[in-house]
Amino acid sequence: MQTETALSTTEAEFIVLSEGLRSIIPIFGLLEEMQQQGEGLLSGEAEVKCKVFEDNLGALTINTLPKI
C-alpha cells in the first residue's frame, strides 16, 4: 500500500515504480557482494537481471528526464 496520496494516475504509477526499485536495488547489491566474496549461490559467473514493466507513458517520461 502506498503511504503517499497521489493526485494523478501518472504520479501513482511513478510512486509505485520508485518504491519497487528501491526494494530491489539493495538485493542486487547483496547478491553482488556475495559473488565478490565467493559465496555465490550459483557456480561460475552469474548475471542477475530484473525487468521492470510500466505501461503509463507519463511515469516513463518522468523517469527518463534528466535529474537536476
PDB file of N, CA and C in Angstrom:
ATOM      1  N   MET A   1       0.828  -1.181   0.000  1.00  0.00           N
ATOM      2  CA  MET A   1       0.000   0.000   0.000  1.00  0.00           C
ATOM      3  C   MET A   1       0.874   1.246   0.000  1.00  0.00           C
ATOM      4  N   GLN A   2       0.430   2.226  -0.733  1.00  0.00           N
ATOM      5  CA  GLN A   2       1.158   3.480  -0.799  1.00  0.00           C
ATOM      6  C   GLN A   2       0.939   4.288   0.471  1.00  0.00           C
ATOM      7  N   THR A   3       1.987   4.977   0.873  1.00  0.00           N
ATOM      8  CA  THR A   3       1.883   5.813   2.068  1.00  0.00           C
ATOM      9  C   THR A   3       1.665   7.276   1.701  1.00  0.00           C
ATOM     10  N   GLU A   4       1.690   7.581   0.410  1.00  0.00           N
ATOM     11  CA  GLU A   4       1.506   8.949  -0.060  1.00  0.00           C
ATOM     12  C   GLU A   4       0.219   9.032  -0.865  1.00  0.00           C
ATOM     13  N   THR A   5      -0.353  10.223  -0.926  1.00  0.00           N
ATOM     14  CA  THR A   5      -1.542  10.442  -1.727  1.00  0.00           C
ATOM     15  C   THR A   5      -1.117  11.001  -3.076  1.00  0.00           C
ATOM     16  N   ALA A   6      -1.514  10.329  -4.132  1.00  0.00           N
ATOM     17  CA  ALA A   6      -1.182  10.775  -5.482  1.00  0.00           C
ATOM     18  C   ALA A   6      -2.355  11.579  -6.038  1.00  0.00           C
ATOM     19  N   LEU A   7      -2.029  12.623  -6.787  1.00  0.00           N
ATOM     20  CA  LEU A   7      -3.062  13.473  -7.359  1.00  0.00           C
ATOM     21  C   LEU A   7      -3.421  13.075  -8.784  1.00  0.00           C
ATOM     22  N   SER A   8      -2.686  12.110  -9.346  1.00  0.00           N
ATOM     23  CA  SER A   8      -2.979  11.641 -10.699  1.00  0.00           C
ATOM     24  C   SER A   8      -2.532  10.193 -10.835  1.00  0.00           C
ATOM     25  N   THR A   9      -3.006   9.532 -11.879  1.00  0.00           N
ATOM     26  CA  THR A   9      -2.579   8.148 -12.109  1.00  0.00           C
ATOM     27  C   THR A   9      -1.105   8.100 -12.478  1.00  0.00           C
ATOM     28  N   THR A  10      -0.613   9.119 -13.173  1.00  0.00           N
ATOM     29  CA  THR A  10       0.808   9.168 -13.524  1.00  0.00           C
ATOM     30  C   THR A  10       1.660   9.237 -12.261  1.00  0.00           C
ATOM     31  N   GLU A  11       1.262  10.086 -11.335  1.00  0.00           N
ATOM     32  CA  GLU A  11       2.005  10.204 -10.086  1.00  0.00           C
ATOM     33  C   GLU A  11       1.946   8.910  -9.286  1.00  0.00           C
ATOM     34  N   ALA A  12       0.783   8.268  -9.257  1.00  0.00           N
ATOM     35  CA  ALA A  12       0.632   7.000  -8.536  1.00  0.00           C
ATOM     36  C   ALA A  12       1.527   5.925  -9.141  1.00  0.00           C
ATOM     37  N   GLU A  13       1.556   5.844 -10.460  1.00  0.00           N
ATOM     38  CA  GLU A  13       2.399   4.851 -11.137  1.00  0.00           C
ATOM     39  C   GLU A  13       3.879   5.130 -10.883  1.00  0.00           C
ATOM     40  N   PHE A  14       4.275   6.399 -10.889  1.00  0.00           N
ATOM     41  CA  PHE A  14       5.675   6.749 -10.633  1.00  0.00           C
ATOM     42  C   PHE A  14       6.075   6.386  -9.208  1.00  0.00           C
ATOM     43  N   ILE A  15       5.196   6.617  -8.246  1.00  0.00           N
ATOM     44  CA  ILE A  15       5.476   6.275  -6.851  1.00  0.00           C
ATOM     45  C   ILE A  15       5.677   4.774  -6.707  1.00  0.00           C
ATOM     46  N   VAL A  16       4.799   3.998  -7.325  1.00  0.00           N
ATOM     47  CA  VAL A  16       4.907   2.535  -7.243  1.00  0.00           C
ATOM     48  C   VAL A  16       6.186   2.048  -7.920  1.00  0.00           C
ATOM     49  N   LEU A  17       6.519   2.620  -9.069  1.00  0.00           N
ATOM     50  CA  LEU A  17       7.752   2.251  -9.768  1.00  0.00           C
ATOM     51  C   LEU A  17       8.969   2.546  -8.903  1.00  0.00           C
ATOM     52  N   SER A  18       8.984   3.707  -8.290  1.00  0.00           N
ATOM     53  CA  SER A  18      10.097   4.107  -7.428  1.00  0.00           C
ATOM     54  C   SER A  18      10.224   3.189  -6.213  1.00  0.00           C
ATOM     55  N   GLU A  19       9.112   2.907  -5.548  1.00  0.00           N
ATOM     56  CA  GLU A  19       9.150   2.041  -4.363  1.00  0.00           C
ATOM     57  C   GLU A  19       9.580   0.622  -4.719  1.00  0.00           C
ATOM     58  N   GLY A  20       9.137   0.135  -5.850  1.00  0.00           N
ATOM     59  CA  GLY A  20       9.538  -1.206  -6.279  1.00  0.00           C
ATOM     60  C   GLY A  20      11.028  -1.307  -6.527  1.00  0.00           C
ATOM     61  N   LEU A  21      11.582  -0.319  -7.211  1.00  0.00           N
ATOM     62  CA  LEU A  21      13.018  -0.333  -7.492  1.00  0.00           C
ATOM     63  C   LEU A  21      13.843  -0.123  -6.229  1.00  0.00           C
ATOM     64  N   ARG A  22      13.337   0.685  -5.292  1.00  0.00           N
ATOM     65  CA  ARG A  22      14.063   0.883  -4.034  1.00  0.00           C
ATOM     66  C   ARG A  22      14.133  -0.394  -3.217  1.00  0.00           C
ATOM     67  N   SER A  23      13.213  -1.308  -3.409  1.00  0.00           N
ATOM     68  CA  SER A  23      13.276  -2.573  -2.675  1.00  0.00           C
ATOM     69  C   SER A  23      14.156  -3.604  -3.382  1.00  0.00           C
ATOM     70  N   ILE A  24      14.330  -3.486  -4.693  1.00  0.00           N
ATOM     71  CA  ILE A  24      15.122  -4.453  -5.457  1.00  0.00           C
ATOM     72  C   ILE A  24      16.613  -4.106  -5.470  1.00  0.00           C
ATOM     73  N   ILE A  25      16.957  -2.840  -5.539  1.00  0.00           N
ATOM     74  CA  ILE A  25      18.358  -2.418  -5.664  1.00  0.00           C
ATOM     75  C   ILE A  25      19.237  -2.942  -4.528  1.00  0.00           C
ATOM     76  N   PRO A  26      18.814  -2.891  -3.250  1.00  0.00           N
ATOM     77  CA  PRO A  26      19.660  -3.458  -2.188  1.00  0.00           C
ATOM     78  C   PRO A  26      19.866  -4.974  -2.336  1.00  0.00           C
ATOM     79  N   ILE A  27      18.879  -5.669  -2.858  1.00  0.00           N
ATOM     80  CA  ILE A  27      19.022  -7.117  -3.066  1.00  0.00           C
ATOM     81  C   ILE A  27      20.098  -7.381  -4.113  1.00  0.00           C
ATOM     82  N   PHE A  28      20.120  -6.575  -5.195  1.00  0.00           N
ATOM     83  CA  PHE A  28      21.174  -6.706  -6.195  1.00  0.00           C
ATOM     84  C   PHE A  28      22.543  -6.450  -5.586  1.00  0.00           C
ATOM     85  N   GLY A  29      22.640  -5.433  -4.725  1.00  0.00           N
ATOM     86  CA  GLY A  29      23.905  -5.142  -4.054  1.00  0.00           C
ATOM     87  C   GLY A  29      24.369  -6.297  -3.195  1.00  0.00           C
ATOM     88  N   LEU A  30      23.437  -6.918  -2.476  1.00  0.00           N
ATOM     89  CA  LEU A  30      23.762  -8.066  -1.635  1.00  0.00           C
ATOM     90  C   LEU A  30      24.245  -9.244  -2.478  1.00  0.00           C
ATOM     91  N   LEU A  31      23.571  -9.525  -3.577  1.00  0.00           N
ATOM     92  CA  LEU A  31      23.990 -10.619  -4.456  1.00  0.00           C
ATOM     93  C   LEU A  31      25.371 -10.354  -5.047  1.00  0.00           C
ATOM     94  N   GLU A  32      25.623  -9.098  -5.441  1.00  0.00           N
ATOM     95  CA  GLU A  32      26.933  -8.744  -5.993  1.00  0.00           C
ATOM     96  C   GLU A  32      28.036  -8.906  -4.948  1.00  0.00           C
ATOM     97  N   GLU A  33      27.757  -8.456  -3.734  1.00  0.00           N
ATOM     98  CA  GLU A  33      28.734  -8.582  -2.660  1.00  0.00           C
ATOM     99  C   GLU A  33      29.003 -10.051  -2.329  1.00  0.00           C
ATOM    100  N   MET A  34      27.969 -10.872  -2.322  1.00  0.00           N
ATOM    101  CA  MET A  34      28.143 -12.307  -2.062  1.00  0.00           C
ATOM    102  C   MET A  34      29.000 -12.947  -3.146  1.00  0.00           C
ATOM    103  N   GLN A  35      28.785 -12.531  -4.403  1.00  0.00           N
ATOM    104  CA  GLN A  35      29.568 -13.075  -5.506  1.00  0.00           C
ATOM    105  C   GLN A  35      31.035 -12.672  -5.374  1.00  0.00           C
ATOM    106  N   GLN A  36      31.306 -11.425  -4.969  1.00  0.00           N
ATOM    107  CA  GLN A  36      32.683 -10.954  -4.803  1.00  0.00           C
ATOM    108  C   GLN A  36      33.390 -11.695  -3.676  1.00  0.00           C
ATOM    109  N   GLN A  37      32.661 -12.113  -2.665  1.00  0.00           N
ATOM    110  CA  GLN A  37      33.247 -12.823  -1.526  1.00  0.00           C
ATOM    111  C   GLN A  37      33.341 -14.330  -1.780  1.00  0.00           C
ATOM    112  N   GLY A  38      32.894 -14.771  -2.944  1.00  0.00           N
ATOM    113  CA  GLY A  38      32.949 -16.188  -3.270  1.00  0.00           C
ATOM    114  C   GLY A  38      31.821 -16.993  -2.653  1.00  0.00           C
ATOM    115  N   GLU A  39      30.779 -16.330  -2.229  1.00  0.00           N
ATOM    116  CA  GLU A  39      29.646 -17.004  -1.607  1.00  0.00           C
ATOM    117  C   GLU A  39      28.443 -17.045  -2.527  1.00  0.00           C
ATOM    118  N   GLY A  40      28.688 -17.028  -3.829  1.00  0.00           N
ATOM    119  CA  GLY A  40      27.587 -17.016  -4.789  1.00  0.00           C
ATOM    120  C   GLY A  40      26.724 -18.263  -4.688  1.00  0.00           C
ATOM    121  N   LEU A  41      25.484 -18.109  -5.004  1.00  0.00           N
ATOM    122  CA  LEU A  41      24.562 -19.236  -4.957  1.00  0.00           C
ATOM    123  C   LEU A  41      24.729 -20.150  -6.161  1.00  0.00           C
ATOM    124  N   LEU A  42      25.289 -19.606  -7.221  1.00  0.00           N
ATOM    125  CA  LEU A  42      25.490 -20.381  -8.435  1.00  0.00           C
ATOM    126  C   LEU A  42      26.979 -20.492  -8.711  1.00  0.00           C
ATOM    127  N   SER A  43      27.371 -21.564  -9.352  1.00  0.00           N
ATOM    128  CA  SER A  43      28.783 -21.702  -9.700  1.00  0.00           C
ATOM    129  C   SER A  43      29.079 -20.873 -10.947  1.00  0.00           C
ATOM    130  N   GLY A  44      30.283 -20.353 -11.049  1.00  0.00           N
ATOM    131  CA  GLY A  44      30.671 -19.541 -12.192  1.00  0.00           C
ATOM    132  C   GLY A  44      30.173 -18.117 -12.070  1.00  0.00           C
ATOM    133  N   GLU A  45      30.259 -17.397 -13.148  1.00  0.00           N
ATOM    134  CA  GLU A  45      29.823 -16.001 -13.180  1.00  0.00           C
ATOM    135  C   GLU A  45      28.348 -15.949 -13.563  1.00  0.00           C
ATOM    136  N   ALA A  46      27.519 -15.585 -12.630  1.00  0.00           N
ATOM    137  CA  ALA A  46      26.087 -15.450 -12.900  1.00  0.00           C
ATOM    138  C   ALA A  46      25.765 -13.976 -13.089  1.00  0.00           C
ATOM    139  N   GLU A  47      24.872 -13.698 -14.003  1.00  0.00           N
ATOM    140  CA  GLU A  47      24.430 -12.333 -14.239  1.00  0.00           C
ATOM    141  C   GLU A  47      22.963 -12.247 -13.840  1.00  0.00           C
ATOM    142  N   VAL A  48      22.672 -11.374 -12.913  1.00  0.00           N
ATOM    143  CA  VAL A  48      21.310 -11.224 -12.418  1.00  0.00           C
ATOM    144  C   VAL A  48      20.674 -10.028 -13.114  1.00  0.00           C
ATOM    145  N   LYS A  49      19.503 -10.246 -13.688  1.00  0.00           N
ATOM    146  CA  LYS A  49      18.791  -9.182 -14.388  1.00  0.00           C
ATOM    147  C   LYS A  49      17.396  -9.050 -13.816  1.00  0.00           C
ATOM    148  N   CYS A  50      16.837  -7.876 -13.952  1.00  0.00           N
ATOM    149  CA  CYS A  50      15.489  -7.609 -13.463  1.00  0.00           C
ATOM    150  C   CYS A  50      14.770  -6.770 -14.506  1.00  0.00           C
ATOM    151  N   LYS A  51      13.622  -7.235 -14.963  1.00  0.00           N
ATOM    152  CA  LYS A  51      12.821  -6.470 -15.902  1.00  0.00           C
ATOM    153  C   LYS A  51      11.776  -5.688 -15.131  1.00  0.00           C
ATOM    154  N   VAL A  52      11.605  -4.452 -15.523  1.00  0.00           N
ATOM    155  CA  VAL A  52      10.596  -3.598 -14.912  1.00  0.00           C
ATOM    156  C   VAL A  52       9.573  -3.269 -15.987  1.00  0.00           C
ATOM    157  N   PHE A  53       8.330  -3.548 -15.706  1.00  0.00           N
ATOM    158  CA  PHE A  53       7.262  -3.281 -16.652  1.00  0.00           C
ATOM    159  C   PHE A  53       6.457  -2.073 -16.189  1.00  0.00           C
ATOM    160  N   GLU A  54       6.262  -1.129 -17.071  1.00  0.00           N
ATOM    161  CA  GLU A  54       5.468   0.061 -16.770  1.00  0.00           C
ATOM    162  C   GLU A  54       4.708   0.438 -18.032  1.00  0.00           C
ATOM    163  N   ASP A  55       3.413   0.645 -17.920  1.00  0.00           N
ATOM    164  CA  ASP A  55       2.610   0.964 -19.091  1.00  0.00           C
ATOM    165  C   ASP A  55       2.096   2.401 -19.107  1.00  0.00           C
ATOM    166  N   ASN A  56       2.441   3.190 -18.110  1.00  0.00           N
ATOM    167  CA  ASN A  56       1.984   4.567 -18.042  1.00  0.00           C
ATOM    168  C   ASN A  56       3.040   5.459 -18.687  1.00  0.00           C
ATOM    169  N   LEU A  57       2.707   6.033 -19.825  1.00  0.00           N
ATOM    170  CA  LEU A  57       3.669   6.834 -20.579  1.00  0.00           C
ATOM    171  C   LEU A  57       4.161   8.031 -19.778  1.00  0.00           C
ATOM    172  N   GLY A  58       3.297   8.646 -19.003  1.00  0.00           N
ATOM    173  CA  GLY A  58       3.698   9.785 -18.178  1.00  0.00           C
ATOM    174  C   GLY A  58       4.741   9.402 -17.152  1.00  0.00           C
ATOM    175  N   ALA A  59       4.556   8.266 -16.471  1.00  0.00           N
ATOM    176  CA  ALA A  59       5.517   7.799 -15.469  1.00  0.00           C
ATOM    177  C   ALA A  59       6.848   7.450 -16.127  1.00  0.00           C
ATOM    178  N   LEU A  60       6.804   6.855 -17.305  1.00  0.00           N
ATOM    179  CA  LEU A  60       8.044   6.536 -18.020  1.00  0.00           C
ATOM    180  C   LEU A  60       8.774   7.810 -18.429  1.00  0.00           C
ATOM    181  N   THR A  61       8.045   8.817 -18.870  1.00  0.00           N
ATOM    182  CA  THR A  61       8.660  10.081 -19.268  1.00  0.00           C
ATOM    183  C   THR A  61       9.312  10.759 -18.080  1.00  0.00           C
ATOM    184  N   ILE A  62       8.611  10.812 -16.949  1.00  0.00           N
ATOM    185  CA  ILE A  62       9.185  11.421 -15.742  1.00  0.00           C
ATOM    186  C   ILE A  62      10.462  10.692 -15.348  1.00  0.00           C
ATOM    187  N   ASN A  63      10.443   9.365 -15.454  1.00  0.00           N
ATOM    188  CA  ASN A  63      11.587   8.553 -15.039  1.00  0.00           C
ATOM    189  C   ASN A  63      12.800   8.772 -15.935  1.00  0.00           C
ATOM    190  N   THR A  64      12.593   9.114 -17.200  1.00  0.00           N
ATOM    191  CA  THR A  64      13.720   9.255 -18.124  1.00  0.00           C
ATOM    192  C   THR A  64      14.210  10.693 -18.256  1.00  0.00           C
ATOM    193  N   LEU A  65      13.548  11.651 -17.603  1.00  0.00           N
ATOM    194  CA  LEU A  65      14.004  13.044 -17.648  1.00  0.00           C
ATOM    195  C   LEU A  65      15.326  13.173 -16.886  1.00  0.00           C
ATOM    196  N   PRO A  66      16.189  14.076 -17.355  1.00  0.00           N
ATOM    197  CA  PRO A  66      17.450  14.294 -16.620  1.00  0.00           C
ATOM    198  C   PRO A  66      17.158  14.842 -15.223  1.00  0.00           C
ATOM    199  N   LYS A  67      17.902  14.342 -14.248  1.00  0.00           N
ATOM    200  CA  LYS A  67      17.735  14.794 -12.863  1.00  0.00           C
ATOM    201  C   LYS A  67      18.519  16.069 -12.658  1.00  0.00           C
ATOM    202  N   ILE A  68      17.936  17.048 -11.983  1.00  0.00           N
ATOM    203  CA  ILE A  68      18.638  18.307 -11.735  1.00  0.00           C
ATOM    204  C   ILE A  68      18.887  18.488 -10.261  1.00  0.00           C
TER     205      ILE A  68
END
